[in-house]
Amino acid sequence: MKTFKHLVFAACITAFATMTATGNIATFSGAKVTLESKAGKAISSKIEHIRKKLTKEVEELTEKITALEKETKHNQEKFKTKAGELEKSGSMLSKDAQQAKVEDLQKLEMNIKDGMEDLDRLMKKRAQAAQIAEQKFMNEYQKEVGEFNQKVSKITQTYAEKHECVVLAVESTAGAHKKFDITENIIKELDKDIELKADTKK
């Protein structure tokens, strides 16, 4: 299951552009806005919390599967050893002792069979749980990222209208003139609400 940080740059911040007659262009770094703004960090943290919550059942099932695999493997090795011992020295044992060892092997065989069936059931359950968790996560992810996108889009559109320019999201603003790089402006606008709420709580 991917995180906000892994997916957001590809899908979240695309080129927001408002065409005007002037042809002036302002740029901003989508990655920087996401990683450095308080709003971006808050969403990243929220999405990670959602991911952990949704994958809890999958992780618990994985732990059960690992323990059961270990137990089943141990029983298989035990069965192999005991069967080998019976084959080698069975003729030297009394009839009752032979019968006891055969019954012991039958119990082990049954435990192995039950273990394999439980493993199959748990693996199917885990696959289903993982699929449900992934779908729920993507729904929550799209909702949170969608709201973040709308905020960024609104800010860039307002800037474009006010300054009569085109605003584009780019991978890097390293070569951009400071005057035309509005990354910091967007971060400041995004974080206004968060800072206002923080001041209100004081």
Protein backbone atom coordinates (compact mmCIF):
# COMPACT_ATOMS: atom_id res chain seq x y z
CA MET A 1 0.00 0.00 0.00
CA LYS A 2 1.55 3.25 -1.09
CA THR A 3 1.77 6.38 1.04
CA PHE A 4 0.85 9.99 0.35
CA LYS A 5 4.52 10.85 -0.20
CA HIS A 6 4.93 8.11 -2.82
CA LEU A 7 1.87 9.00 -4.89
CA VAL A 8 1.18 12.66 -4.52
CA PHE A 9 3.72 14.06 -6.97
CA ALA A 10 2.52 11.93 -9.86
CA ALA A 11 -1.20 12.34 -9.34
CA CYS A 12 -1.82 15.25 -7.00
CA ILE A 13 -0.21 18.40 -8.31
CA THR A 14 -0.43 18.67 -12.06
CA ALA A 15 -0.08 21.81 -14.14
CA PHE A 16 -2.62 24.33 -12.90
CA ALA A 17 -2.83 26.96 -15.61
CA THR A 18 -5.04 29.96 -16.23
CA MET A 19 -4.37 31.25 -19.74
CA THR A 20 -4.31 35.00 -20.23
CA ALA A 21 -3.43 37.33 -23.07
CA THR A 22 -0.11 38.41 -21.53
CA GLY A 23 1.75 35.10 -21.86
CA ASN A 24 3.68 35.65 -18.58
CA ILE A 25 4.49 32.43 -16.71
CA ALA A 26 4.89 31.80 -12.97
CA THR A 27 5.98 28.39 -11.68
CA PHE A 28 5.87 26.43 -8.43
CA SER A 29 7.31 23.16 -7.19
CA GLY A 30 4.50 20.71 -6.44
CA ALA A 31 6.87 18.48 -4.46
CA LYS A 32 8.08 21.36 -2.28
CA VAL A 33 4.55 22.59 -1.63
CA THR A 34 3.54 19.10 -0.50
CA LEU A 35 6.61 18.31 1.61
CA GLU A 36 7.27 21.71 3.19
CA SER A 37 3.83 23.17 3.80
CA LYS A 38 2.16 22.48 7.15
CA ALA A 39 -1.00 21.56 5.22
CA GLY A 40 0.91 18.99 3.13
CA LYS A 41 2.62 17.53 6.21
CA ALA A 42 -0.72 17.29 8.03
CA ILE A 43 -2.31 15.36 5.14
CA SER A 44 0.74 13.11 4.84
CA SER A 45 0.50 12.31 8.56
CA LYS A 46 -3.27 11.74 8.36
CA ILE A 47 -2.96 9.41 5.37
CA GLU A 48 -0.18 7.43 7.08
CA HIS A 49 -2.43 7.04 10.16
CA ILE A 50 -5.28 5.80 7.91
CA ARG A 51 -2.90 3.35 6.20
CA LYS A 52 -1.69 1.91 9.53
CA LYS A 53 -5.25 1.56 10.81
CA LEU A 54 -6.45 -0.22 7.66
CA THR A 55 -3.46 -2.58 7.44
CA LYS A 56 -3.66 -3.64 11.11
CA GLU A 57 -5.84 -6.70 10.34
CA VAL A 58 -3.54 -7.72 7.47
CA GLU A 59 -0.49 -7.48 9.75
CA GLU A 60 -2.21 -9.52 12.49
CA LEU A 61 -3.12 -12.24 9.97
CA THR A 62 0.46 -12.25 8.65
CA GLU A 63 1.74 -12.87 12.20
CA LYS A 64 -0.69 -15.80 12.60
CA ILE A 65 0.35 -17.23 9.22
CA THR A 66 4.06 -16.97 10.09
CA ALA A 67 3.53 -18.74 13.44
CA LEU A 68 1.40 -21.47 11.82
CA GLU A 69 3.93 -22.00 9.01
CA LYS A 70 6.66 -22.45 11.63
CA GLU A 71 4.54 -24.91 13.63
CA THR A 72 3.54 -26.92 10.53
CA LYS A 73 7.15 -27.11 9.32
CA HIS A 74 8.22 -28.32 12.78
CA ASN A 75 5.51 -31.02 12.72
CA GLN A 76 6.57 -32.12 9.23
CA GLU A 77 10.19 -32.50 10.34
CA LYS A 78 9.06 -34.33 13.48
CA PHE A 79 6.91 -36.69 11.38
CA LYS A 80 9.80 -37.41 9.01
CA THR A 81 12.17 -38.19 11.92
CA LYS A 82 9.70 -40.42 13.79
CA ALA A 83 8.68 -42.27 10.62
CA GLY A 84 12.36 -42.93 9.88
CA GLU A 85 12.95 -44.23 13.40
CA LEU A 86 9.95 -46.56 13.18
CA GLU A 87 11.10 -47.91 9.83
CA LYS A 88 14.59 -48.67 11.17
CA SER A 89 13.81 -50.10 14.60
CA GLY A 90 10.11 -50.97 14.40
CA SER A 91 10.76 -54.72 14.13
CA MET A 92 12.65 -54.68 17.44
CA LEU A 93 9.74 -53.12 19.32
CA SER A 94 6.84 -54.91 20.96
CA LYS A 95 3.49 -54.89 19.21
CA ASP A 96 2.08 -52.36 21.72
CA ALA A 97 5.11 -50.07 21.34
CA GLN A 98 4.78 -50.24 17.55
CA GLN A 99 1.07 -49.41 17.78
CA ALA A 100 1.79 -46.44 20.08
CA LYS A 101 4.34 -45.04 17.60
CA VAL A 102 1.95 -45.52 14.67
CA GLU A 103 -0.81 -43.68 16.56
CA ASP A 104 1.66 -40.90 17.40
CA LEU A 105 2.49 -40.58 13.69
CA GLN A 106 -1.21 -40.52 12.79
CA LYS A 107 -1.80 -37.67 15.26
CA LEU A 108 1.12 -35.74 13.79
CA GLU A 109 -0.20 -36.35 10.27
CA MET A 110 -3.61 -35.02 11.32
CA ASN A 111 -2.01 -31.93 12.91
CA ILE A 112 -0.07 -31.28 9.70
CA LYS A 113 -3.24 -31.64 7.60
CA ASP A 114 -5.19 -29.29 9.92
CA GLY A 115 -2.29 -26.83 9.86
CA MET A 116 -2.20 -26.79 6.06
CA GLU A 117 -5.97 -26.24 5.88
CA ASP A 118 -5.75 -23.40 8.43
CA LEU A 119 -2.90 -21.84 6.45
CA ASP A 120 -4.93 -21.94 3.26
CA ARG A 121 -7.92 -20.36 5.03
CA LEU A 122 -5.81 -17.63 6.67
CA MET A 123 -4.03 -16.79 3.40
CA LYS A 124 -7.36 -16.37 1.60
CA LYS A 125 -8.64 -14.23 4.48
CA ARG A 126 -5.48 -12.09 4.36
CA ALA A 127 -5.74 -11.60 0.60
CA GLN A 128 -9.36 -10.48 0.98
CA ALA A 129 -8.51 -8.17 3.91
CA ALA A 130 -5.62 -6.64 1.93
CA GLN A 131 -7.90 -5.98 -1.06
CA ILE A 132 -10.55 -4.31 1.12
CA ALA A 133 -7.90 -2.26 2.96
CA GLU A 134 -6.36 -1.12 -0.33
CA GLN A 135 -9.74 0.00 -1.69
CA LYS A 136 -10.66 1.85 1.51
CA PHE A 137 -7.23 3.47 1.61
CA MET A 138 -7.48 4.68 -2.00
CA ASN A 139 -10.93 6.15 -1.32
CA GLU A 140 -9.62 8.06 1.72
CA TYR A 141 -6.44 9.01 -0.13
CA GLN A 142 -8.32 10.43 -3.12
CA LYS A 143 -10.64 12.38 -0.80
CA GLU A 144 -7.78 13.95 1.20
CA VAL A 145 -5.56 14.63 -1.82
CA GLY A 146 -8.53 15.98 -3.77
CA GLU A 147 -9.24 18.56 -1.07
CA PHE A 148 -5.55 19.53 -0.97
CA ASN A 149 -5.49 19.89 -4.78
CA GLN A 150 -8.54 22.15 -4.70
CA LYS A 151 -6.86 24.46 -2.18
CA VAL A 152 -3.68 24.68 -4.29
CA SER A 153 -5.72 25.17 -7.46
CA LYS A 154 -7.73 28.00 -5.89
CA ILE A 155 -4.54 29.76 -4.75
CA THR A 156 -2.87 29.46 -8.18
CA GLN A 157 -6.00 30.63 -10.00
CA THR A 158 -6.30 33.67 -7.74
CA TYR A 159 -2.63 34.49 -8.31
CA ALA A 160 -2.97 34.03 -12.09
CA GLU A 161 -5.99 36.35 -12.27
CA LYS A 162 -4.40 39.00 -10.03
CA HIS A 163 -1.06 39.05 -11.88
CA GLU A 164 -2.43 38.25 -15.33
CA CYS A 165 -0.19 35.27 -15.90
CA VAL A 166 -0.09 31.51 -16.40
CA VAL A 167 0.76 29.41 -13.33
CA LEU A 168 2.42 26.05 -13.93
CA ALA A 169 3.44 23.25 -11.57
CA VAL A 170 6.93 21.99 -12.39
CA GLU A 171 9.19 19.23 -11.05
CA SER A 172 11.84 21.75 -10.02
CA THR A 173 12.04 25.53 -9.82
CA ALA A 174 15.85 25.49 -9.52
CA GLY A 175 16.35 27.41 -12.77
CA ALA A 176 13.39 29.76 -12.31
CA HIS A 177 13.83 33.45 -11.55
CA LYS A 178 12.77 34.18 -7.96
CA LYS A 179 10.23 36.69 -9.21
CA PHE A 180 8.44 33.96 -11.17
CA ASP A 181 8.77 31.17 -8.57
CA ILE A 182 5.67 31.38 -6.38
CA THR A 183 6.26 28.18 -4.37
CA GLU A 184 6.74 30.07 -1.09
CA ASN A 185 3.64 32.20 -1.79
CA ILE A 186 1.54 29.04 -2.18
CA ILE A 187 2.96 27.47 1.00
CA LYS A 188 2.22 30.68 2.93
CA GLU A 189 -1.37 30.81 1.64
CA LEU A 190 -1.95 27.10 2.33
CA ASP A 191 -0.76 27.42 5.92
CA LYS A 192 -2.75 30.55 6.79
CA ASP A 193 -5.71 28.56 8.18
CA ILE A 194 -3.44 26.29 10.24
CA GLU A 195 -1.55 29.26 11.74
CA LEU A 196 -4.85 31.05 12.42
CA LYS A 197 -6.20 28.01 14.30
CA ALA A 198 -2.95 27.78 16.28
CA ASP A 199 -3.20 31.46 17.29
CA THR A 200 -6.85 31.00 18.31
CA LYS A 201 -5.91 28.13 20.66
CA LYS A 202 -3.30 30.27 22.48
